[in-house]
Amino acid sequence: MNPPPMTMDTPIPHPLTDAEIHRLLDGEAQGVEREALLHRLQGDAPGRERLAQWLAQRDAIRQLHGDVLREPVPVSLLEAVNPVG
């Protein structure tokens, strides 16, 4: 279900917080919450700009360090997280 389009008569919702934009960016906002945030984002030009900038930054970092992300986790770190005994 898509949010209704914004019109001249639609009240401008309050701007999204950085935390809310992060929830969209990280895929944490789901279902009704996601739809509500996207609806508010329609009337939040600065929020849309921040989201676009953060998406571009995330993609650039993934491209730059993609090889590191595909490396196996060192055994010493795995042992630190899951100590034996």
Protein backbone atom coordinates (compact mmCIF):
# COMPACT_ATOMS: atom_id res chain seq x y z
CA MET A 1 0.00 0.00 0.00
CA ASN A 2 1.49 3.30 -1.08
CA PRO A 3 0.97 6.50 0.91
CA PRO A 4 -1.37 9.00 -0.69
CA PRO A 5 0.38 11.68 -2.77
CA MET A 6 1.08 15.04 -1.21
CA THR A 7 -1.10 17.90 -2.49
CA MET A 8 -1.21 21.63 -1.81
CA ASP A 9 -3.86 20.92 0.85
CA THR A 10 -1.85 18.21 2.59
CA PRO A 11 -0.43 19.42 5.89
CA ILE A 12 3.35 19.30 5.94
CA PRO A 13 4.38 16.56 8.37
CA HIS A 14 7.21 17.18 10.78
CA PRO A 15 10.67 16.47 9.33
CA LEU A 16 12.25 13.07 9.80
CA THR A 17 14.92 12.75 12.47
CA ASP A 18 18.33 11.36 11.63
CA ALA A 19 17.36 8.18 13.52
CA GLU A 20 14.26 7.75 11.34
CA ILE A 21 16.27 8.27 8.16
CA HIS A 22 18.76 5.67 9.38
CA ARG A 23 15.87 3.22 9.95
CA LEU A 24 14.90 3.66 6.29
CA LEU A 25 18.49 3.48 5.07
CA ASP A 26 19.30 0.35 7.06
CA GLY A 27 16.04 -1.42 6.17
CA GLU A 28 14.94 -1.50 9.81
CA ALA A 29 11.64 0.32 9.18
CA GLN A 30 9.10 -2.21 7.90
CA GLY A 31 5.43 -2.30 7.02
CA VAL A 32 3.27 0.51 8.35
CA GLU A 33 6.21 2.32 9.94
CA ARG A 34 8.12 2.35 6.64
CA GLU A 35 5.07 3.61 4.73
CA ALA A 36 4.51 6.37 7.29
CA LEU A 37 8.15 7.47 7.11
CA LEU A 38 8.09 7.47 3.31
CA HIS A 39 4.90 9.53 3.40
CA ARG A 40 6.51 12.09 5.71
CA LEU A 41 9.63 12.09 3.54
CA GLN A 42 7.54 13.32 0.59
CA GLY A 43 7.14 16.65 2.38
CA ASP A 44 10.67 16.78 3.77
CA ALA A 45 13.09 18.01 1.09
CA PRO A 46 16.07 18.24 3.50
CA GLY A 47 15.31 14.71 4.71
CA ARG A 48 15.22 13.40 1.14
CA GLU A 49 18.56 15.09 0.47
CA ARG A 50 20.14 13.56 3.62
CA LEU A 51 18.82 10.12 2.67
CA ALA A 52 20.22 10.46 -0.87
CA GLN A 53 23.60 11.59 0.47
CA TRP A 54 23.75 8.73 2.99
CA LEU A 55 22.75 6.18 0.34
CA ALA A 56 25.52 7.46 -1.92
CA GLN A 57 28.01 7.37 0.96
CA ARG A 58 27.01 3.82 1.92
CA ASP A 59 27.35 2.64 -1.67
CA ALA A 60 30.75 4.34 -2.07
CA ILE A 61 32.06 2.74 1.13
CA ARG A 62 30.80 -0.69 0.06
CA GLN A 63 32.45 -0.28 -3.32
CA LEU A 64 35.71 0.96 -1.81
CA HIS A 65 35.93 -1.74 0.87
CA GLY A 66 33.93 -4.57 -0.70
CA ASP A 67 36.93 -6.90 -0.72
CA VAL A 68 37.38 -6.49 3.04
CA LEU A 69 33.70 -7.22 3.65
CA ARG A 70 34.07 -10.53 1.81
CA GLU A 71 37.10 -11.65 3.86
CA PRO A 72 36.52 -14.30 6.52
CA VAL A 73 36.34 -13.10 10.11
CA PRO A 74 39.66 -13.79 11.88
CA VAL A 75 39.55 -16.73 14.28
CA SER A 76 40.81 -14.55 17.15
CA LEU A 77 37.74 -12.30 16.79
CA LEU A 78 35.37 -15.25 16.58
CA GLU A 79 36.94 -16.68 19.75
CA ALA A 80 36.60 -13.33 21.52
CA VAL A 81 32.89 -13.24 20.75
CA ASN A 82 32.26 -16.92 21.46
CA PRO A 83 34.78 -18.01 24.10
CA VAL A 84 35.15 -21.76 24.50
CA GLY A 85 34.78 -23.15 28.00
